[in-house]
Protein backbone atom coordinates (compact mmCIF):
# COMPACT_ATOMS: atom_id res chain seq x y z
CA MET A 1 107.87 251.67 97.57
CA GLU A 2 107.26 247.97 97.83
CA THR A 3 109.26 245.80 95.38
CA PRO A 4 106.61 244.37 92.86
CA ILE A 5 106.30 240.62 92.14
CA VAL A 6 107.42 239.63 88.84
CA VAL A 7 105.02 237.62 86.77
CA ASP A 8 106.13 236.14 83.30
CA GLY A 9 103.82 236.70 80.61
CA SER A 10 105.24 234.18 78.36
CA PHE A 11 104.48 231.10 80.69
CA LEU A 12 102.55 228.30 79.08
CA GLU A 13 99.56 229.88 77.32
CA GLY A 14 101.50 233.17 77.07
CA GLY A 15 98.55 235.42 76.05
CA GLY A 16 96.38 238.14 77.63
CA GLN A 17 95.15 235.90 80.36
CA ILE A 18 98.20 236.28 82.41
CA LEU A 19 97.97 240.00 82.32
CA ARG A 20 94.20 240.28 83.09
CA LEU A 21 94.58 237.77 86.11
CA SER A 22 97.63 239.56 87.58
CA ILE A 23 96.21 243.03 87.46
CA SER A 24 92.99 241.67 89.03
CA TYR A 25 94.84 239.82 91.83
CA SER A 26 97.05 242.85 92.36
CA ALA A 27 94.17 245.17 92.71
CA ILE A 28 92.20 242.87 95.12
CA LEU A 29 95.15 241.89 97.29
CA GLY A 30 96.84 245.36 97.31
CA ILE A 31 100.21 244.00 96.05
CA PRO A 32 102.48 245.66 93.49
CA ILE A 33 103.47 243.58 90.35
CA ARG A 34 105.43 243.72 87.32
CA VAL A 35 104.32 241.82 84.32
CA ILE A 36 107.00 241.00 81.84
CA ASN A 37 106.90 239.29 78.28
CA ILE A 38 103.23 240.39 77.99
CA ARG A 39 101.35 238.24 75.27
CA ALA A 40 104.73 236.72 74.07
CA ASN A 41 103.15 233.68 72.51
CA ARG A 42 100.99 235.68 70.28
CA PRO A 43 101.66 236.64 66.80
CA LYS A 44 101.63 240.53 67.80
CA PRO A 45 103.20 240.57 71.31
CA GLY A 46 102.34 243.40 73.80
CA LEU A 47 99.38 245.29 74.70
CA ALA A 48 96.59 245.63 72.26
CA ALA A 49 93.71 248.22 72.50
CA GLN A 50 91.52 245.77 74.64
CA HIS A 51 94.28 244.72 76.95
CA LEU A 52 95.49 248.43 77.47
CA ASN A 53 91.97 249.68 78.26
CA GLY A 54 91.25 246.65 80.49
CA VAL A 55 94.32 247.27 82.64
CA LYS A 56 93.33 251.16 82.76
CA LEU A 57 89.90 250.24 83.85
CA VAL A 58 91.21 248.16 86.87
CA ALA A 59 93.73 250.99 87.80
CA ASP A 60 90.89 253.30 87.86
CA LEU A 61 88.72 251.07 89.89
CA CYS A 62 91.56 251.28 92.46
CA GLU A 63 93.08 254.50 91.90
CA GLY A 64 96.36 252.56 91.13
CA ASP A 65 99.59 253.82 89.63
CA LEU A 66 100.17 252.04 86.12
CA LYS A 67 103.53 252.38 84.36
CA GLY A 68 104.51 251.36 80.93
CA ALA A 69 100.94 250.95 79.81
CA TYR A 70 100.91 251.93 76.06
CA LEU A 71 100.03 250.19 72.65
CA GLY A 72 102.67 247.37 71.89
CA SER A 73 104.15 247.45 75.53
CA THR A 74 105.48 244.17 76.62
CA GLU A 75 106.18 245.07 80.34
CA VAL A 76 103.95 247.20 82.74
CA GLU A 77 104.21 247.98 86.53
CA PHE A 78 101.03 248.36 88.73
CA TYR A 79 101.05 249.85 92.24
CA PRO A 80 97.39 249.55 93.40
CA LYS A 81 95.46 251.45 96.11
CA SER A 82 91.86 251.15 97.57
CA ILE A 83 89.16 249.93 95.49
CA LYS A 84 86.72 252.70 95.81
CA GLY A 85 83.75 251.71 93.80
CA GLY A 86 81.35 254.05 91.64
CA SER A 87 80.71 254.40 88.04
CA PHE A 88 83.18 253.70 85.15
CA LYS A 89 82.96 254.01 81.44
CA VAL A 90 85.25 252.41 78.81
CA HIS A 91 83.96 252.48 75.26
CA LEU A 92 86.40 250.97 72.58
CA THR A 93 86.47 252.21 69.01
CA THR A 94 87.28 248.60 67.96
CA ALA A 95 85.64 245.32 68.41
CA GLY A 96 87.81 244.63 71.40
CA SER A 97 86.18 242.05 73.59
CA ILE A 98 83.85 243.27 76.30
CA GLY A 99 83.78 239.94 77.79
CA LEU A 100 87.57 239.79 78.37
CA MET A 101 87.62 243.35 79.87
CA LEU A 102 84.76 241.84 82.29
CA GLN A 103 87.20 239.08 83.17
CA SER A 104 89.41 241.56 84.87
CA ALA A 105 86.98 244.04 86.17
CA LEU A 106 84.40 241.77 87.70
CA PRO A 107 86.50 240.06 90.59
CA VAL A 108 88.05 243.50 91.50
CA SER A 109 84.59 245.22 91.53
CA ILE A 110 83.00 242.87 94.21
CA PHE A 111 85.85 243.75 96.70
CA ALA A 112 85.16 247.68 96.34
CA LYS A 113 84.03 249.72 99.20
CA ASN A 114 80.89 250.72 97.33
CA ASP A 115 78.93 249.22 94.46
CA VAL A 116 80.18 249.39 90.94
CA HIS A 117 78.54 250.36 87.68
CA LEU A 118 80.33 249.66 84.48
CA SER A 119 79.51 250.84 81.04
CA LEU A 120 81.68 248.98 78.52
CA GLY A 121 81.67 249.45 74.80
CA GLY A 122 83.47 247.42 72.05
CA GLY A 123 83.03 243.80 70.57
CA THR A 124 80.44 241.51 72.36
CA ASP A 125 80.73 238.55 70.00
CA CYS A 126 84.28 238.15 68.36
CA SER A 127 86.59 235.37 67.69
CA PHE A 128 89.06 234.36 70.53
CA ALA A 129 86.83 235.42 73.18
CA PRO A 130 83.58 234.33 74.74
CA LEU A 131 80.40 235.27 73.45
CA ILE A 132 78.78 237.99 75.63
CA ASP A 133 75.63 235.42 75.97
CA TYR A 134 78.10 233.21 77.68
CA THR A 135 79.38 235.63 80.20
CA ILE A 136 75.95 236.69 81.18
CA ASP A 137 74.33 233.36 81.12
CA VAL A 138 76.96 230.74 82.12
CA LEU A 139 79.57 232.99 84.04
CA GLY A 140 76.71 234.87 85.76
CA PHE A 141 75.26 231.56 86.88
CA TYR A 142 78.31 230.26 88.70
CA LEU A 143 78.99 233.70 90.27
CA LYS A 144 75.75 233.53 91.97
CA LYS A 145 76.95 230.14 93.66
CA PHE A 146 79.93 232.14 95.14
CA GLY A 147 77.45 234.59 96.69
CA ILE A 148 78.13 237.34 94.12
CA ASP A 149 75.39 239.68 93.03
CA VAL A 150 75.84 240.97 89.66
CA ASN A 151 73.50 241.96 86.82
CA LEU A 152 74.95 242.26 83.32
CA GLU A 153 72.75 243.67 80.47
CA LEU A 154 73.40 243.65 76.93
CA LYS A 155 72.23 246.84 75.35
CA GLN A 156 73.74 246.60 71.91
CA ARG A 157 75.74 243.87 70.11
CA GLY A 158 79.15 244.64 68.62
CA LEU A 159 80.65 242.49 65.73
CA PHE A 160 84.13 242.35 64.07
CA PRO A 161 85.50 244.58 62.86
CA LYS A 162 83.36 247.78 63.74
CA GLY A 163 82.40 246.82 67.27
CA GLY A 164 79.74 249.30 68.83
CA GLY A 165 78.53 246.95 71.24
CA ARG A 166 77.39 247.92 74.81
CA VAL A 167 77.13 246.13 77.98
CA GLU A 168 75.99 247.61 81.23
CA ALA A 169 77.16 245.82 84.57
CA GLN A 170 75.73 246.52 88.12
CA ILE A 171 78.04 244.84 90.67
CA LYS A 172 77.10 244.77 94.27
CA LYS A 173 80.07 245.04 96.86
CA LEU A 174 80.63 241.83 99.03
CA ASN A 175 79.58 241.95 102.70
CA ASN A 176 80.92 238.50 103.42
CA PRO A 177 83.79 236.46 102.03
CA LEU A 178 82.98 234.57 98.79
CA LYS A 179 81.43 231.01 99.36
CA SER A 180 83.31 227.92 98.45
CA ILE A 181 81.48 225.58 95.90
CA ILE A 182 81.38 221.99 95.46
CA VAL A 183 80.11 220.85 91.96
CA GLU A 184 80.93 217.22 91.37
CA ASP A 185 77.61 215.65 90.44
CA ALA A 186 76.00 217.12 87.43
CA GLY A 187 72.78 215.21 87.50
CA LYS A 188 70.29 214.87 84.79
CA CYS A 189 69.97 217.13 81.79
CA SER A 190 66.60 217.37 80.11
CA GLN A 191 67.05 220.04 77.44
CA VAL A 192 69.63 221.71 75.24
CA ASN A 193 68.93 225.21 74.13
CA ALA A 194 70.24 226.15 70.74
CA LYS A 195 70.17 229.86 70.11
CA ILE A 196 70.98 230.97 66.45
CA ILE A 197 71.31 234.57 66.16
CA TYR A 198 71.63 236.43 62.69
CA THR A 199 71.98 239.91 61.81
CA GLY A 200 71.02 240.21 58.08
CA PRO A 201 69.23 238.56 55.06
CA ASP A 202 71.88 236.54 54.14
CA SER A 203 72.85 235.34 57.47
CA GLU A 204 68.91 234.50 58.03
CA LYS A 205 69.28 231.98 55.17
CA GLY A 206 72.60 230.64 56.47
CA SER A 207 71.05 230.00 59.93
CA TYR A 208 68.96 227.17 58.51
CA TYR A 209 72.09 225.29 57.85
CA VAL A 210 73.20 225.79 61.47
CA VAL A 211 69.82 224.39 62.72
CA LYS A 212 70.35 221.48 60.56
CA GLY A 213 73.84 220.72 61.69
CA VAL A 214 72.87 221.03 65.34
CA GLU A 215 69.64 218.95 65.27
CA LYS A 216 71.55 216.10 63.31
CA SER A 217 74.17 215.81 66.22
CA LEU A 218 72.01 215.95 69.05
CA GLU A 219 69.31 213.74 67.73
CA PRO A 220 70.92 210.69 69.76
CA LEU A 221 70.23 212.37 72.91
CA LYS A 222 66.60 212.19 72.40
CA SER A 223 66.62 208.52 73.30
CA LYS A 224 68.07 209.71 76.66
CA GLY A 225 65.19 211.95 77.28
CA VAL A 226 67.03 215.08 76.25
CA GLU A 227 65.11 217.50 74.07
CA THR A 228 66.68 220.27 71.81
CA ARG A 229 64.85 223.52 72.05
CA THR A 230 66.01 225.63 68.90
CA GLU A 231 65.49 229.46 68.60
CA ARG A 232 66.38 231.56 65.66
CA ILE A 233 66.70 235.17 66.60
CA ARG A 234 67.17 238.39 64.30
CA GLU A 235 69.41 240.90 65.99
CA SER A 236 68.63 244.33 65.57
CA ARG A 237 70.59 245.83 68.33
CA ILE A 238 73.74 246.53 66.13
CA ILE A 239 75.40 249.69 64.64
CA PRO A 240 74.42 250.54 60.96
CA ASN A 241 76.52 248.35 58.39
CA SER A 242 77.62 245.78 60.86
CA ALA A 243 79.04 242.56 59.50
CA ASP A 244 76.40 240.18 58.38
CA THR A 245 77.04 237.14 61.04
CA ILE A 246 75.64 234.29 62.53
CA LEU A 247 76.11 233.43 66.11
CA LEU A 248 75.51 229.92 67.61
CA ASP A 249 75.06 229.36 71.33
CA LEU A 250 74.35 226.11 72.65
CA THR A 251 73.63 225.83 76.41
CA TYR A 252 72.18 223.35 78.96
CA GLU A 253 71.48 223.21 82.63
CA THR A 254 71.16 220.09 84.77
CA GLU A 255 69.07 219.33 87.89
CA ASN A 256 72.01 219.67 90.24
CA GLY A 257 73.03 223.17 89.36
CA VAL A 258 75.40 222.84 86.40
CA LYS A 259 75.36 225.00 83.29
CA CYS A 260 77.59 224.41 80.16
CA SER A 261 78.02 225.97 76.65
CA THR A 262 79.65 226.04 73.61
CA SER A 263 79.54 228.36 70.68
CA ARG A 264 80.58 229.15 67.00
CA ILE A 265 80.73 232.37 65.00
CA PHE A 266 79.97 232.42 61.26
CA ASP A 267 80.97 235.50 59.20
CA ASN A 268 79.44 236.07 55.95
CA PRO A 269 82.11 235.25 53.14
CA ARG A 270 81.27 238.56 51.49
CA ASN A 271 82.47 240.35 54.52
CA ASN A 272 86.07 239.47 53.65
CA LYS A 273 85.82 239.96 49.64
CA ARG A 274 88.37 242.38 48.49
CA ARG A 275 87.26 245.08 46.00
CA TYR A 276 90.11 243.77 43.35
CA ASP A 277 88.98 240.23 43.77
CA ARG A 278 87.36 239.26 40.44
CA ASN A 279 86.19 235.87 41.52
CA PRO A 280 82.54 235.56 42.70
CA PRO A 281 82.23 235.94 46.30
CA GLU A 282 81.29 232.90 48.39
CA THR A 283 78.06 232.97 50.25
CA PHE A 284 76.56 231.34 53.46
CA HIS A 285 74.81 229.12 50.76
CA SER A 286 78.08 227.97 48.92
CA GLN A 287 79.43 227.18 52.30
CA SER A 288 76.44 225.41 53.64
CA SER A 289 78.13 221.93 54.20
CA LYS A 290 81.07 223.66 56.02
CA ILE A 291 78.52 225.45 58.16
CA GLU A 292 76.68 222.31 58.87
CA GLN A 293 79.74 220.31 59.89
CA THR A 294 81.06 223.11 62.14
CA SER A 295 77.57 223.42 63.79
CA SER A 296 77.57 219.63 64.17
CA GLU A 297 81.06 219.73 65.97
CA ALA A 298 79.84 222.41 68.31
CA ALA A 299 76.73 220.17 69.35
CA ASP A 300 79.27 217.08 69.49
CA GLU A 301 80.92 219.05 72.22
CA ILE A 302 77.67 219.67 74.11
CA ARG A 303 76.51 215.94 73.84
CA ASN A 304 79.97 214.76 75.15
CA LEU A 305 79.73 217.15 78.15
CA ILE A 306 76.22 215.86 78.95
CA GLN A 307 77.39 212.10 78.55
CA ASN A 308 80.37 212.48 80.59
CA SER A 309 78.48 214.39 83.41
CA ILE A 310 81.10 217.21 83.12
CA CYS A 311 80.36 220.22 85.68
CA ALA A 312 82.32 222.96 84.01
CA ASP A 313 83.05 223.24 80.16
CA SER A 314 86.63 223.91 78.93
CA HIS A 315 86.07 227.72 78.63
CA MET A 316 84.68 228.00 82.19
CA GLN A 317 87.07 226.06 84.36
CA ASP A 318 89.96 228.49 84.43
CA GLN A 319 87.69 231.45 84.85
CA LEU A 320 86.26 230.10 88.08
CA ILE A 321 89.66 229.61 89.62
CA ILE A 322 89.96 233.45 90.83
CA TYR A 323 86.88 233.14 92.69
CA MET A 324 87.70 229.59 94.16
CA ALA A 325 91.14 230.94 95.31
CA LEU A 326 89.67 233.99 97.05
CA ALA A 327 86.71 232.16 98.73
CA ASP A 328 86.53 230.88 102.34
CA GLY A 329 86.87 227.07 102.20
CA THR A 330 87.79 224.43 99.81
CA SER A 331 86.15 224.41 96.24
CA ARG A 332 85.74 221.25 93.98
CA ILE A 333 84.61 221.23 90.54
CA LEU A 334 84.52 218.21 88.13
CA VAL A 335 85.89 218.95 84.58
CA ASP A 336 87.14 217.17 81.41
CA GLN A 337 90.72 217.46 80.60
CA ILE A 338 92.78 220.41 82.18
CA THR A 339 93.26 223.06 79.48
CA GLU A 340 96.50 225.18 79.09
CA HIS A 341 94.57 228.31 80.35
CA THR A 342 93.62 226.58 83.41
CA LYS A 343 97.36 225.53 83.99
CA THR A 344 98.33 229.03 83.33
CA THR A 345 95.67 230.28 85.84
CA GLN A 346 97.17 227.85 88.20
CA TYR A 347 100.57 229.40 87.99
CA VAL A 348 99.54 233.04 88.47
CA THR A 349 97.10 232.24 91.20
CA HIS A 350 99.65 230.30 93.37
CA LEU A 351 102.31 233.06 92.74
CA LEU A 352 100.13 235.90 93.74
CA THR A 353 97.94 234.39 96.51
CA LYS A 354 99.56 231.10 97.57
CA ALA A 355 96.47 229.28 97.29
CA GLN A 356 96.99 225.71 96.63
CA ILE A 357 95.41 224.42 93.39
CA ASN A 358 95.25 220.78 92.65
CA PHE A 359 94.15 218.79 89.58
CA VAL A 360 92.90 215.52 90.90
CA PRO A 361 92.64 212.83 88.41
CA VAL A 362 89.29 210.60 88.50
CA HIS A 363 87.60 207.91 86.41
CA ASP A 364 91.09 206.62 85.46
CA GLY A 365 92.23 210.08 84.35
CA THR A 366 89.42 210.74 81.86
CA LYS A 367 88.32 213.42 84.14
CA TYR A 368 89.70 215.81 86.82
CA VAL A 369 88.61 217.45 89.97
CA ILE A 370 89.95 221.11 90.26
CA GLU A 371 90.34 221.35 93.95
CA CYS A 372 91.44 224.85 95.55
CA LYS A 373 91.53 225.82 99.30
CA GLY A 374 90.60 229.40 99.17
CA ILE A 375 92.45 232.16 101.23
CA GLY A 376 89.04 233.34 102.67
CA LEU A 377 89.66 237.04 101.70
CA LYS A 378 87.49 239.39 103.60
CA PRO A 379 85.81 242.28 101.81
CA ASN A 380 86.68 245.93 102.61
């Protein structure tokens, strides 16, 4: 049996991202790995339910042998086999992130011998993970540039702590190597789409504070010809007794094929009220100033991205690297500052693929171009 490559899960960001990337590359390239110090820099190191189910899904996709995979484990070994394709179902009983499971499974699925259908259950919109809208709208947008044919459909939202969300993914197998992409000139933006999703009567009232904060922050863009389209949506696709929550999704697309987004989650203060707490519970109304401020901060991020002509927001830049590394040719994409997640991705990618990733400073170091010469991996 081939000796596995050791990946240190405590490097830099030291979270679940290292495990997700390593497992994906292992399955795609057919190389065994051993990941140590899993999630070493997190308050509770080791495999949580979403990480455990995510690696098991990848193992199922390629009929691989997975060793040491149990809740709390800080070390796993993985020996991949052929990526077969077909239908797979993983439904968590918690609000573990569906978006993060997709980060592992999507790149593996496109290299399968047959098309892949995934039915994933769990959390769609939770803290410390992308909203499912972001995965569908923004990641899906960029995947098309690489020549990837994937359809992600939200069937039901899953909120913390109960989950219950469901996403169906139809992923076409590649017939040719991934295309490299060049995205360095954002071009003009004419509209920002502000989507405010609420799930109950209290959050409906609170959603107006979100609108107020967003529109106040984006007002200066009007003089530059950028309009704001605000949409408030009552979400009924949730399980009974789900948390009363507000989701803010801010997205824009430019004339030259750039799409960026940012988001916020507002939980009803009543959701966290302890039964023995005799103090009157806070409400969305009592936190109106904080909600407006947080919404304005999210809108400020969008405004800065537009004004600086950034081509991939801070949450997207690291997610694109695995596709850049596997593509045929050199990809380049203009970003703001390089994040810790991106530096971590560079480490794992170079270790397992030998693809060279450079962060090229431009505009006096205020921006960077992520440049990657892909290995041109041919599909099965």
